[in-house]
Amino acid sequence: MTATSQTRDDVAVDLDRAARRVDTAMERVGLLDAPARKVAEDLKAALEEFHREGLVRVVRALKADPRGKELLFELVDDPVVYALLAMHGIVRADPVSLARRALEEVRPYLESHGGGVTLVGVELPVARVSLSGSCNGCSSSATTLREVVERALVVAVPGLHQVEVVPAEPEPALVPLASVGLRPGAAAAVPSTGTGWTRGPALADVRDGAVTIWHPEGLAEGAGPVALVRIGDRVAAYRDACAHAGMSLERGMVDSEGCVLTCPWHGLKYAALTGEAMSMVDARLDSYPARLHDGAVWLRLAG
């Protein structure tokens, strides 16, 4: 075991021990008589208010300085710091990640009944999902499966009150690679330069688990570089501009699980395959519809 891993293990043990002490103390407070319990609860509330005010001032000071802002993003990546700030309401849990986690928990149940679900997006208080298989229909079993999805999302995501079901085959910004060319005779679905689609780079040139920048040629003025993100069997296409400051995403990092795209300039995080900002309200990357045909990525860059 390395010194670094040992240190992390020690920290985890210390935090776990501290958490248990808090739980034990709160259980003992609950056993006190009413006046003593009121004093203890007031003391706890006063201390939390004091700590929150101090943390708010620290966060404000960091955000006011460019280097401090970078440090703040690095600190929030630490699960302990994130938990502390979330506990005091200074940062909020990412609704996209919470929704994705909730759907993963019910996915085995849906699949056991021949159904499937895809998270399209979350804009509180509404989540949008696409249903497939036995989930997508009017039968009583389909209704039951939809209710399972809705209940899981509403319970897991604070502030979420409504779940909308979008058509099963929307024109997407990300496309399953395996779905291309599987429907014989569907010529109308094949993109071509005469139908508003532009042939992009070869699929082999789009790096898996990373950001690939493609520069369109011969297009109308204002059509800039495109940032392509490929995660396994899916591809998403965005205008190469961070929603925060418009900086290039070329050196952006995609996490090992393919869920998060991090802007290289200020650390802003996005859901890699939907473009939704995870730490800014009502912000997202500008996306382009993308499809795969004849070994290449095709994009619809015009409106």
C-alpha atoms as a PDB file:
ATOM      1  CA  MET A   1       0.000   0.000   0.000  1.00  0.00           C
ATOM      2  CA  THR A   2       1.351   3.424  -0.947  1.00  0.00           C
ATOM      3  CA  ALA A   3       1.662   6.284   1.514  1.00  0.00           C
ATOM      4  CA  THR A   4      -1.023   8.220  -0.380  1.00  0.00           C
ATOM      5  CA  SER A   5      -3.552   5.384  -0.340  1.00  0.00           C
ATOM      6  CA  GLN A   6      -2.813   4.728   3.323  1.00  0.00           C
ATOM      7  CA  THR A   7      -3.410   8.383   4.132  1.00  0.00           C
ATOM      8  CA  ARG A   8      -6.742   8.292   2.264  1.00  0.00           C
ATOM      9  CA  ASP A   9      -7.750   5.151   4.126  1.00  0.00           C
ATOM     10  CA  ASP A  10      -6.874   6.806   7.445  1.00  0.00           C
ATOM     11  CA  VAL A  11      -8.957   9.853   6.525  1.00  0.00           C
ATOM     12  CA  ALA A  12     -11.910   7.647   5.576  1.00  0.00           C
ATOM     13  CA  VAL A  13     -11.662   5.808   8.895  1.00  0.00           C
ATOM     14  CA  ASP A  14     -11.468   9.077  10.857  1.00  0.00           C
ATOM     15  CA  LEU A  15     -14.481  10.497   9.027  1.00  0.00           C
ATOM     16  CA  ASP A  16     -16.461   7.338   9.563  1.00  0.00           C
ATOM     17  CA  ARG A  17     -15.597   7.428  13.261  1.00  0.00           C
ATOM     18  CA  ALA A  18     -16.624  11.073  13.498  1.00  0.00           C
ATOM     19  CA  ALA A  19     -19.919  10.377  11.736  1.00  0.00           C
ATOM     20  CA  ARG A  20     -20.684   7.563  14.153  1.00  0.00           C
ATOM     21  CA  ARG A  21     -19.946   9.869  17.104  1.00  0.00           C
ATOM     22  CA  VAL A  22     -22.406  12.430  15.735  1.00  0.00           C
ATOM     23  CA  ASP A  23     -25.092   9.768  15.251  1.00  0.00           C
ATOM     24  CA  THR A  24     -24.535   8.425  18.755  1.00  0.00           C
ATOM     25  CA  ALA A  25     -24.664  11.905  20.278  1.00  0.00           C
ATOM     26  CA  MET A  26     -27.923  12.725  18.446  1.00  0.00           C
ATOM     27  CA  GLU A  27     -29.451   9.461  19.679  1.00  0.00           C
ATOM     28  CA  ARG A  28     -28.536  10.437  23.233  1.00  0.00           C
ATOM     29  CA  VAL A  29     -30.030  13.880  22.753  1.00  0.00           C
ATOM     30  CA  GLY A  30     -33.280  12.214  21.776  1.00  0.00           C
ATOM     31  CA  LEU A  31     -33.351  10.462  25.172  1.00  0.00           C
ATOM     32  CA  LEU A  32     -33.098  13.693  27.173  1.00  0.00           C
ATOM     33  CA  ASP A  33     -36.090  15.310  28.814  1.00  0.00           C
ATOM     34  CA  ALA A  34     -37.793  18.032  26.788  1.00  0.00           C
ATOM     35  CA  PRO A  35     -36.031  21.128  28.270  1.00  0.00           C
ATOM     36  CA  ALA A  36     -32.559  19.583  28.026  1.00  0.00           C
ATOM     37  CA  ARG A  37     -33.261  18.296  24.512  1.00  0.00           C
ATOM     38  CA  LYS A  38     -34.351  21.805  23.454  1.00  0.00           C
ATOM     39  CA  VAL A  39     -31.071  23.280  24.755  1.00  0.00           C
ATOM     40  CA  ALA A  40     -28.997  20.663  22.901  1.00  0.00           C
ATOM     41  CA  GLU A  41     -30.924  21.127  19.650  1.00  0.00           C
ATOM     42  CA  ASP A  42     -30.592  24.924  19.885  1.00  0.00           C
ATOM     43  CA  LEU A  43     -26.848  24.567  20.423  1.00  0.00           C
ATOM     44  CA  LYS A  44     -26.574  22.283  17.386  1.00  0.00           C
ATOM     45  CA  ALA A  45     -28.553  24.728  15.233  1.00  0.00           C
ATOM     46  CA  ALA A  46     -26.431  27.692  16.382  1.00  0.00           C
ATOM     47  CA  LEU A  47     -23.174  25.871  15.626  1.00  0.00           C
ATOM     48  CA  GLU A  48     -24.412  24.817  12.165  1.00  0.00           C
ATOM     49  CA  GLU A  49     -25.501  28.389  11.404  1.00  0.00           C
ATOM     50  CA  PHE A  50     -22.085  29.695  12.494  1.00  0.00           C
ATOM     51  CA  HIS A  51     -20.243  27.096  10.396  1.00  0.00           C
ATOM     52  CA  ARG A  52     -22.422  27.749   7.354  1.00  0.00           C
ATOM     53  CA  GLU A  53     -21.767  31.489   7.498  1.00  0.00           C
ATOM     54  CA  GLY A  54     -18.016  30.855   7.657  1.00  0.00           C
ATOM     55  CA  LEU A  55     -18.139  28.413   4.738  1.00  0.00           C
ATOM     56  CA  VAL A  56     -20.228  30.829   2.658  1.00  0.00           C
ATOM     57  CA  ARG A  57     -17.616  33.558   3.154  1.00  0.00           C
ATOM     58  CA  VAL A  58     -14.820  31.166   2.146  1.00  0.00           C
ATOM     59  CA  VAL A  59     -16.682  30.123  -1.009  1.00  0.00           C
ATOM     60  CA  ARG A  60     -17.462  33.735  -1.946  1.00  0.00           C
ATOM     61  CA  ALA A  61     -13.813  34.730  -1.539  1.00  0.00           C
ATOM     62  CA  LEU A  62     -12.640  31.820  -3.702  1.00  0.00           C
ATOM     63  CA  LYS A  63     -15.197  32.568  -6.418  1.00  0.00           C
ATOM     64  CA  ALA A  64     -14.123  36.214  -6.532  1.00  0.00           C
ATOM     65  CA  ASP A  65     -10.601  35.284  -7.695  1.00  0.00           C
ATOM     66  CA  PRO A  66      -9.837  33.362 -10.927  1.00  0.00           C
ATOM     67  CA  ARG A  67      -7.309  31.085  -9.246  1.00  0.00           C
ATOM     68  CA  GLY A  68      -9.561  30.737  -6.234  1.00  0.00           C
ATOM     69  CA  LYS A  69     -12.381  29.621  -8.512  1.00  0.00           C
ATOM     70  CA  GLU A  70     -10.172  26.872  -9.940  1.00  0.00           C
ATOM     71  CA  LEU A  71      -9.263  25.763  -6.421  1.00  0.00           C
ATOM     72  CA  LEU A  72     -12.933  25.730  -5.467  1.00  0.00           C
ATOM     73  CA  PHE A  73     -13.763  23.368  -8.341  1.00  0.00           C
ATOM     74  CA  GLU A  74     -10.917  21.100  -7.247  1.00  0.00           C
ATOM     75  CA  LEU A  75     -12.120  21.156  -3.647  1.00  0.00           C
ATOM     76  CA  VAL A  76     -15.709  20.333  -4.593  1.00  0.00           C
ATOM     77  CA  ASP A  77     -14.410  17.240  -6.389  1.00  0.00           C
ATOM     78  CA  ASP A  78     -13.378  15.935  -2.968  1.00  0.00           C
ATOM     79  CA  PRO A  79     -16.407  13.929  -1.739  1.00  0.00           C
ATOM     80  CA  VAL A  80     -15.853  15.032   1.855  1.00  0.00           C
ATOM     81  CA  VAL A  81     -15.786  18.741   0.976  1.00  0.00           C
ATOM     82  CA  TYR A  82     -18.764  18.253  -1.336  1.00  0.00           C
ATOM     83  CA  ALA A  83     -20.740  16.515   1.409  1.00  0.00           C
ATOM     84  CA  LEU A  84     -19.909  19.305   3.883  1.00  0.00           C
ATOM     85  CA  LEU A  85     -21.012  22.049   1.483  1.00  0.00           C
ATOM     86  CA  ALA A  86     -24.116  20.110   0.467  1.00  0.00           C
ATOM     87  CA  MET A  87     -25.055  19.565   4.119  1.00  0.00           C
ATOM     88  CA  HIS A  88     -25.081  23.336   4.643  1.00  0.00           C
ATOM     89  CA  GLY A  89     -26.978  23.984   1.402  1.00  0.00           C
ATOM     90  CA  ILE A  90     -24.045  25.771  -0.256  1.00  0.00           C
ATOM     91  CA  VAL A  91     -23.919  23.388  -3.214  1.00  0.00           C
ATOM     92  CA  ARG A  92     -26.728  21.190  -4.384  1.00  0.00           C
ATOM     93  CA  ALA A  93     -26.620  17.643  -5.620  1.00  0.00           C
ATOM     94  CA  ASP A  94     -26.548  17.390  -9.406  1.00  0.00           C
ATOM     95  CA  PRO A  95     -30.095  16.420 -10.528  1.00  0.00           C
ATOM     96  CA  VAL A  96     -28.829  14.715 -13.703  1.00  0.00           C
ATOM     97  CA  SER A  97     -26.534  12.392 -11.754  1.00  0.00           C
ATOM     98  CA  LEU A  98     -29.261  11.684  -9.188  1.00  0.00           C
ATOM     99  CA  ALA A  99     -31.770  10.914 -11.952  1.00  0.00           C
ATOM    100  CA  ARG A 100     -29.321   8.675 -13.800  1.00  0.00           C
ATOM    101  CA  ARG A 101     -28.565   6.783 -10.586  1.00  0.00           C
ATOM    102  CA  ALA A 102     -32.286   6.334  -9.860  1.00  0.00           C
ATOM    103  CA  LEU A 103     -32.917   4.920 -13.332  1.00  0.00           C
ATOM    104  CA  GLU A 104     -29.998   2.516 -13.005  1.00  0.00           C
ATOM    105  CA  GLU A 105     -31.583   1.159  -9.840  1.00  0.00           C
ATOM    106  CA  VAL A 106     -34.904   0.381 -11.559  1.00  0.00           C
ATOM    107  CA  ARG A 107     -33.427  -0.650 -14.920  1.00  0.00           C
ATOM    108  CA  PRO A 108     -33.061  -4.365 -13.991  1.00  0.00           C
ATOM    109  CA  TYR A 109     -36.734  -4.469 -13.032  1.00  0.00           C
ATOM    110  CA  LEU A 110     -37.790  -2.781 -16.290  1.00  0.00           C
ATOM    111  CA  GLU A 111     -35.615  -5.093 -18.376  1.00  0.00           C
ATOM    112  CA  SER A 112     -37.022  -8.152 -16.619  1.00  0.00           C
ATOM    113  CA  HIS A 113     -40.413  -7.046 -17.972  1.00  0.00           C
ATOM    114  CA  GLY A 114     -39.106  -6.303 -21.470  1.00  0.00           C
ATOM    115  CA  GLY A 115     -38.894  -2.527 -21.041  1.00  0.00           C
ATOM    116  CA  GLY A 116     -36.240   0.167 -21.099  1.00  0.00           C
ATOM    117  CA  VAL A 117     -35.760   3.831 -20.252  1.00  0.00           C
ATOM    118  CA  THR A 118     -33.367   6.585 -21.334  1.00  0.00           C
ATOM    119  CA  LEU A 119     -32.876   9.889 -19.533  1.00  0.00           C
ATOM    120  CA  VAL A 120     -33.290  12.684 -22.065  1.00  0.00           C
ATOM    121  CA  GLY A 121     -32.764  15.613 -19.715  1.00  0.00           C
ATOM    122  CA  VAL A 122     -33.591  17.282 -16.408  1.00  0.00           C
ATOM    123  CA  GLU A 123     -34.779  20.869 -16.083  1.00  0.00           C
ATOM    124  CA  LEU A 124     -36.263  21.119 -12.619  1.00  0.00           C
ATOM    125  CA  PRO A 125     -39.023  20.602 -11.765  1.00  0.00           C
ATOM    126  CA  VAL A 126     -39.356  18.400 -14.887  1.00  0.00           C
ATOM    127  CA  ALA A 127     -37.436  15.335 -16.080  1.00  0.00           C
ATOM    128  CA  ARG A 128     -37.780  14.001 -19.632  1.00  0.00           C
ATOM    129  CA  VAL A 129     -37.392  10.310 -20.411  1.00  0.00           C
ATOM    130  CA  SER A 130     -37.749   8.089 -23.448  1.00  0.00           C
ATOM    131  CA  LEU A 131     -39.360   4.677 -22.927  1.00  0.00           C
ATOM    132  CA  SER A 132     -38.898   1.564 -25.013  1.00  0.00           C
ATOM    133  CA  GLY A 133     -40.205  -1.981 -25.188  1.00  0.00           C
ATOM    134  CA  SER A 134     -43.104  -2.861 -22.933  1.00  0.00           C
ATOM    135  CA  CYS A 135     -42.776   0.487 -21.121  1.00  0.00           C
ATOM    136  CA  ASN A 136     -43.909   2.297 -24.264  1.00  0.00           C
ATOM    137  CA  GLY A 137     -47.602   1.613 -24.787  1.00  0.00           C
ATOM    138  CA  CYS A 138     -51.101   1.876 -23.403  1.00  0.00           C
ATOM    139  CA  SER A 139     -51.464  -1.469 -21.655  1.00  0.00           C
ATOM    140  CA  SER A 140     -51.852  -1.745 -17.902  1.00  0.00           C
ATOM    141  CA  SER A 141     -48.363  -3.280 -17.615  1.00  0.00           C
ATOM    142  CA  ALA A 142     -46.859  -0.342 -19.539  1.00  0.00           C
ATOM    143  CA  THR A 143     -48.643   2.071 -17.197  1.00  0.00           C
ATOM    144  CA  THR A 144     -47.245   0.231 -14.186  1.00  0.00           C
ATOM    145  CA  LEU A 145     -43.685   0.391 -15.551  1.00  0.00           C
ATOM    146  CA  ARG A 146     -44.032   4.106 -16.282  1.00  0.00           C
ATOM    147  CA  GLU A 147     -45.195   4.643 -12.704  1.00  0.00           C
ATOM    148  CA  VAL A 148     -42.100   2.799 -11.454  1.00  0.00           C
ATOM    149  CA  VAL A 149     -39.892   5.200 -13.448  1.00  0.00           C
ATOM    150  CA  GLU A 150     -41.773   8.290 -12.300  1.00  0.00           C
ATOM    151  CA  ARG A 151     -41.778   7.268  -8.642  1.00  0.00           C
ATOM    152  CA  ALA A 152     -38.042   6.474  -8.697  1.00  0.00           C
ATOM    153  CA  LEU A 153     -37.177   9.880 -10.184  1.00  0.00           C
ATOM    154  CA  VAL A 154     -39.455  11.955  -7.954  1.00  0.00           C
ATOM    155  CA  VAL A 155     -38.161  10.249  -4.805  1.00  0.00           C
ATOM    156  CA  ALA A 156     -34.482  10.472  -5.790  1.00  0.00           C
ATOM    157  CA  VAL A 157     -34.273  14.031  -7.174  1.00  0.00           C
ATOM    158  CA  PRO A 158     -35.128  16.947  -4.843  1.00  0.00           C
ATOM    159  CA  GLY A 159     -37.257  19.556  -6.582  1.00  0.00           C
ATOM    160  CA  LEU A 160     -38.445  17.139  -9.279  1.00  0.00           C
ATOM    161  CA  HIS A 161     -42.247  17.020  -9.485  1.00  0.00           C
ATOM    162  CA  GLN A 162     -43.053  15.953 -13.026  1.00  0.00           C
ATOM    163  CA  VAL A 163     -41.797  13.324 -15.492  1.00  0.00           C
ATOM    164  CA  GLU A 164     -42.511  13.800 -19.203  1.00  0.00           C
ATOM    165  CA  VAL A 165     -42.264  10.968 -21.722  1.00  0.00           C
ATOM    166  CA  VAL A 166     -40.844  12.112 -25.055  1.00  0.00           C
ATOM    167  CA  PRO A 167     -41.276  10.229 -28.355  1.00  0.00           C
ATOM    168  CA  ALA A 168     -39.231   7.046 -28.497  1.00  0.00           C
ATOM    169  CA  GLU A 169     -37.275   8.165 -31.567  1.00  0.00           C
ATOM    170  CA  PRO A 170     -36.464  11.899 -31.268  1.00  0.00           C
ATOM    171  CA  GLU A 171     -33.870  13.431 -33.521  1.00  0.00           C
ATOM    172  CA  PRO A 172     -30.959  13.065 -31.090  1.00  0.00           C
ATOM    173  CA  ALA A 173     -27.687  14.751 -30.402  1.00  0.00           C
ATOM    174  CA  LEU A 174     -26.305  11.330 -29.487  1.00  0.00           C
ATOM    175  CA  VAL A 175     -26.868   8.110 -31.393  1.00  0.00           C
ATOM    176  CA  PRO A 176     -26.323   4.413 -30.583  1.00  0.00           C
ATOM    177  CA  LEU A 177     -23.779   3.221 -33.134  1.00  0.00           C
ATOM    178  CA  ALA A 178     -25.309  -0.252 -33.319  1.00  0.00           C
ATOM    179  CA  SER A 179     -28.658   1.172 -34.448  1.00  0.00           C
ATOM    180  CA  VAL A 180     -27.338   2.473 -37.775  1.00  0.00           C
ATOM    181  CA  GLY A 181     -28.304   0.484 -40.833  1.00  0.00           C
ATOM    182  CA  LEU A 182     -30.396  -2.101 -38.994  1.00  0.00           C
ATOM    183  CA  ARG A 183     -33.675  -1.281 -40.751  1.00  0.00           C
ATOM    184  CA  PRO A 184     -33.687  -2.505 -44.350  1.00  0.00           C
ATOM    185  CA  GLY A 185     -35.275  -0.148 -46.822  1.00  0.00           C
ATOM    186  CA  ALA A 186     -35.213   2.872 -44.539  1.00  0.00           C
ATOM    187  CA  ALA A 187     -33.573   5.027 -47.192  1.00  0.00           C
ATOM    188  CA  ALA A 188     -35.254   8.201 -45.965  1.00  0.00           C
ATOM    189  CA  ALA A 189     -33.388   7.902 -42.679  1.00  0.00           C
ATOM    190  CA  VAL A 190     -29.973   7.840 -44.358  1.00  0.00           C
ATOM    191  CA  PRO A 191     -28.371  11.308 -44.196  1.00  0.00           C
ATOM    192  CA  SER A 192     -27.069  12.970 -47.339  1.00  0.00           C
ATOM    193  CA  THR A 193     -25.669  16.345 -48.265  1.00  0.00           C
ATOM    194  CA  GLY A 194     -28.913  17.238 -50.010  1.00  0.00           C
ATOM    195  CA  THR A 195     -31.040  16.868 -46.895  1.00  0.00           C
ATOM    196  CA  GLY A 196     -29.277  19.302 -44.566  1.00  0.00           C
ATOM    197  CA  TRP A 197     -26.756  16.768 -43.252  1.00  0.00           C
ATOM    198  CA  THR A 198     -23.000  17.379 -43.464  1.00  0.00           C
ATOM    199  CA  ARG A 199     -20.530  14.510 -43.613  1.00  0.00           C
ATOM    200  CA  GLY A 200     -18.159  14.844 -40.677  1.00  0.00           C
ATOM    201  CA  PRO A 201     -15.056  12.888 -39.674  1.00  0.00           C
ATOM    202  CA  ALA A 202     -14.638   9.157 -40.022  1.00  0.00           C
ATOM    203  CA  LEU A 203     -15.861   7.335 -36.947  1.00  0.00           C
ATOM    204  CA  ALA A 204     -12.397   5.823 -36.525  1.00  0.00           C
ATOM    205  CA  ASP A 205     -11.012   9.348 -36.076  1.00  0.00           C
ATOM    206  CA  VAL A 206     -13.358  10.142 -33.174  1.00  0.00           C
ATOM    207  CA  ARG A 207     -11.620   9.128 -29.959  1.00  0.00           C
ATOM    208  CA  ASP A 208     -13.562   7.007 -27.501  1.00  0.00           C
ATOM    209  CA  GLY A 209     -13.825   8.541 -24.023  1.00  0.00           C
ATOM    210  CA  ALA A 210     -12.421  11.908 -25.094  1.00  0.00           C
ATOM    211  CA  VAL A 211     -13.210  15.169 -26.915  1.00  0.00           C
ATOM    212  CA  THR A 212     -12.468  15.334 -30.656  1.00  0.00           C
ATOM    213  CA  ILE A 213     -12.593  18.720 -32.411  1.00  0.00           C
ATOM    214  CA  TRP A 214     -13.778  18.751 -36.025  1.00  0.00           C
ATOM    215  CA  HIS A 215     -13.497  21.845 -38.236  1.00  0.00           C
ATOM    216  CA  PRO A 216     -16.228  22.068 -40.927  1.00  0.00           C
ATOM    217  CA  GLU A 217     -15.139  23.384 -44.320  1.00  0.00           C
ATOM    218  CA  GLY A 218     -17.043  25.309 -46.940  1.00  0.00           C
ATOM    219  CA  LEU A 219     -19.979  26.117 -44.689  1.00  0.00           C
ATOM    220  CA  ALA A 220     -21.819  29.344 -44.072  1.00  0.00           C
ATOM    221  CA  GLU A 221     -20.098  32.048 -42.078  1.00  0.00           C
ATOM    222  CA  GLY A 222     -20.434  31.504 -38.360  1.00  0.00           C
ATOM    223  CA  ALA A 223     -20.243  27.702 -38.486  1.00  0.00           C
ATOM    224  CA  GLY A 224     -17.342  27.093 -36.113  1.00  0.00           C
ATOM    225  CA  PRO A 225     -15.590  23.999 -34.789  1.00  0.00           C
ATOM    226  CA  VAL A 226     -17.610  21.064 -33.476  1.00  0.00           C
ATOM    227  CA  ALA A 227     -16.734  19.156 -30.283  1.00  0.00           C
ATOM    228  CA  LEU A 228     -17.517  15.450 -30.620  1.00  0.00           C
ATOM    229  CA  VAL A 229     -17.763  13.209 -27.561  1.00  0.00           C
ATOM    230  CA  ARG A 230     -17.833   9.451 -28.099  1.00  0.00           C
ATOM    231  CA  ILE A 231     -18.641   7.171 -25.178  1.00  0.00           C
ATOM    232  CA  GLY A 232     -18.703   3.520 -26.172  1.00  0.00           C
ATOM    233  CA  ASP A 233     -21.585   3.124 -28.595  1.00  0.00           C
ATOM    234  CA  ARG A 234     -22.824   6.732 -28.433  1.00  0.00           C
ATOM    235  CA  VAL A 235     -21.724  10.019 -29.991  1.00  0.00           C
ATOM    236  CA  ALA A 236     -22.723  13.562 -28.986  1.00  0.00           C
ATOM    237  CA  ALA A 237     -21.925  16.718 -30.973  1.00  0.00           C
ATOM    238  CA  TYR A 238     -21.658  20.253 -29.560  1.00  0.00           C
ATOM    239  CA  ARG A 239     -20.628  23.703 -30.657  1.00  0.00           C
ATOM    240  CA  ASP A 240     -17.041  24.019 -29.434  1.00  0.00           C
ATOM    241  CA  ALA A 241     -17.794  26.602 -26.755  1.00  0.00           C
ATOM    242  CA  CYS A 242     -18.206  26.235 -23.013  1.00  0.00           C
ATOM    243  CA  ALA A 243     -21.561  27.596 -21.828  1.00  0.00           C
ATOM    244  CA  HIS A 244     -19.755  29.582 -19.136  1.00  0.00           C
ATOM    245  CA  ALA A 245     -17.211  31.702 -21.024  1.00  0.00           C
ATOM    246  CA  GLY A 246     -17.327  30.384 -24.597  1.00  0.00           C
ATOM    247  CA  MET A 247     -13.880  28.790 -24.370  1.00  0.00           C
ATOM    248  CA  SER A 248     -12.902  25.759 -26.454  1.00  0.00           C
ATOM    249  CA  LEU A 249     -13.582  22.276 -25.103  1.00  0.00           C
ATOM    250  CA  GLU A 250     -10.629  20.794 -27.004  1.00  0.00           C
ATOM    251  CA  ARG A 251      -8.670  19.826 -23.896  1.00  0.00           C
ATOM    252  CA  GLY A 252     -11.761  18.867 -21.932  1.00  0.00           C
ATOM    253  CA  MET A 253     -11.573  15.755 -19.787  1.00  0.00           C
ATOM    254  CA  VAL A 254     -14.072  12.891 -19.848  1.00  0.00           C
ATOM    255  CA  ASP A 255     -14.165  10.812 -16.663  1.00  0.00           C
ATOM    256  CA  SER A 256     -13.419   7.086 -16.731  1.00  0.00           C
ATOM    257  CA  GLU A 257     -17.120   6.209 -16.530  1.00  0.00           C
ATOM    258  CA  GLY A 258     -17.977   8.476 -19.451  1.00  0.00           C
ATOM    259  CA  CYS A 259     -20.543  10.450 -17.479  1.00  0.00           C
ATOM    260  CA  VAL A 260     -18.898  13.840 -16.979  1.00  0.00           C
ATOM    261  CA  LEU A 261     -17.191  16.247 -19.384  1.00  0.00           C
ATOM    262  CA  THR A 262     -15.075  18.869 -17.591  1.00  0.00           C
ATOM    263  CA  CYS A 263     -14.182  22.186 -19.238  1.00  0.00           C
ATOM    264  CA  PRO A 264     -10.376  22.640 -19.175  1.00  0.00           C
ATOM    265  CA  TRP A 265     -10.574  26.361 -18.405  1.00  0.00           C
ATOM    266  CA  HIS A 266     -12.723  26.812 -15.319  1.00  0.00           C
ATOM    267  CA  GLY A 267     -13.628  23.261 -14.377  1.00  0.00           C
ATOM    268  CA  LEU A 268     -17.314  23.532 -15.250  1.00  0.00           C
ATOM    269  CA  LYS A 269     -18.797  20.045 -15.478  1.00  0.00           C
ATOM    270  CA  TYR A 270     -21.338  18.796 -18.012  1.00  0.00           C
ATOM    271  CA  ALA A 271     -23.222  15.544 -18.501  1.00  0.00           C
ATOM    272  CA  ALA A 272     -21.055  14.213 -21.334  1.00  0.00           C
ATOM    273  CA  LEU A 273     -23.856  12.886 -23.517  1.00  0.00           C
ATOM    274  CA  THR A 274     -26.555  15.504 -22.943  1.00  0.00           C
ATOM    275  CA  GLY A 275     -24.509  18.698 -22.524  1.00  0.00           C
ATOM    276  CA  GLU A 276     -26.377  19.767 -19.389  1.00  0.00           C
ATOM    277  CA  ALA A 277     -24.292  21.790 -16.943  1.00  0.00           C
ATOM    278  CA  MET A 278     -23.971  20.070 -13.586  1.00  0.00           C
ATOM    279  CA  SER A 279     -23.034  23.110 -11.503  1.00  0.00           C
ATOM    280  CA  MET A 280     -24.823  25.993 -13.282  1.00  0.00           C
ATOM    281  CA  VAL A 281     -28.575  26.465 -13.338  1.00  0.00           C
ATOM    282  CA  ASP A 282     -30.244  26.621 -16.795  1.00  0.00           C
ATOM    283  CA  ALA A 283     -26.979  26.186 -18.707  1.00  0.00           C
ATOM    284  CA  ARG A 284     -26.044  23.590 -21.289  1.00  0.00           C
ATOM    285  CA  LEU A 285     -23.823  23.104 -24.326  1.00  0.00           C
ATOM    286  CA  ASP A 286     -25.291  23.889 -27.749  1.00  0.00           C
ATOM    287  CA  SER A 287     -25.822  20.493 -29.397  1.00  0.00           C
ATOM    288  CA  TYR A 288     -26.138  19.338 -33.009  1.00  0.00           C
ATOM    289  CA  PRO A 289     -28.115  16.312 -34.245  1.00  0.00           C
ATOM    290  CA  ALA A 290     -25.633  13.573 -35.153  1.00  0.00           C
ATOM    291  CA  ARG A 291     -25.965  10.268 -36.990  1.00  0.00           C
ATOM    292  CA  LEU A 292     -23.650   7.582 -38.244  1.00  0.00           C
ATOM    293  CA  HIS A 293     -23.604   6.235 -41.792  1.00  0.00           C
ATOM    294  CA  ASP A 294     -21.062   4.629 -44.054  1.00  0.00           C
ATOM    295  CA  GLY A 295     -18.357   4.720 -41.385  1.00  0.00           C
ATOM    296  CA  ALA A 296     -18.647   8.478 -40.774  1.00  0.00           C
ATOM    297  CA  VAL A 297     -20.338  10.891 -38.405  1.00  0.00           C
ATOM    298  CA  TRP A 298     -22.980  13.033 -40.097  1.00  0.00           C
ATOM    299  CA  LEU A 299     -24.163  16.290 -38.509  1.00  0.00           C
ATOM    300  CA  ARG A 300     -26.974  18.708 -39.131  1.00  0.00           C
ATOM    301  CA  LEU A 301     -25.287  22.045 -38.485  1.00  0.00           C
ATOM    302  CA  ALA A 302     -28.002  24.304 -39.878  1.00  0.00           C
ATOM    303  CA  GLY A 303     -31.135  25.097 -37.904  1.00  0.00           C
END
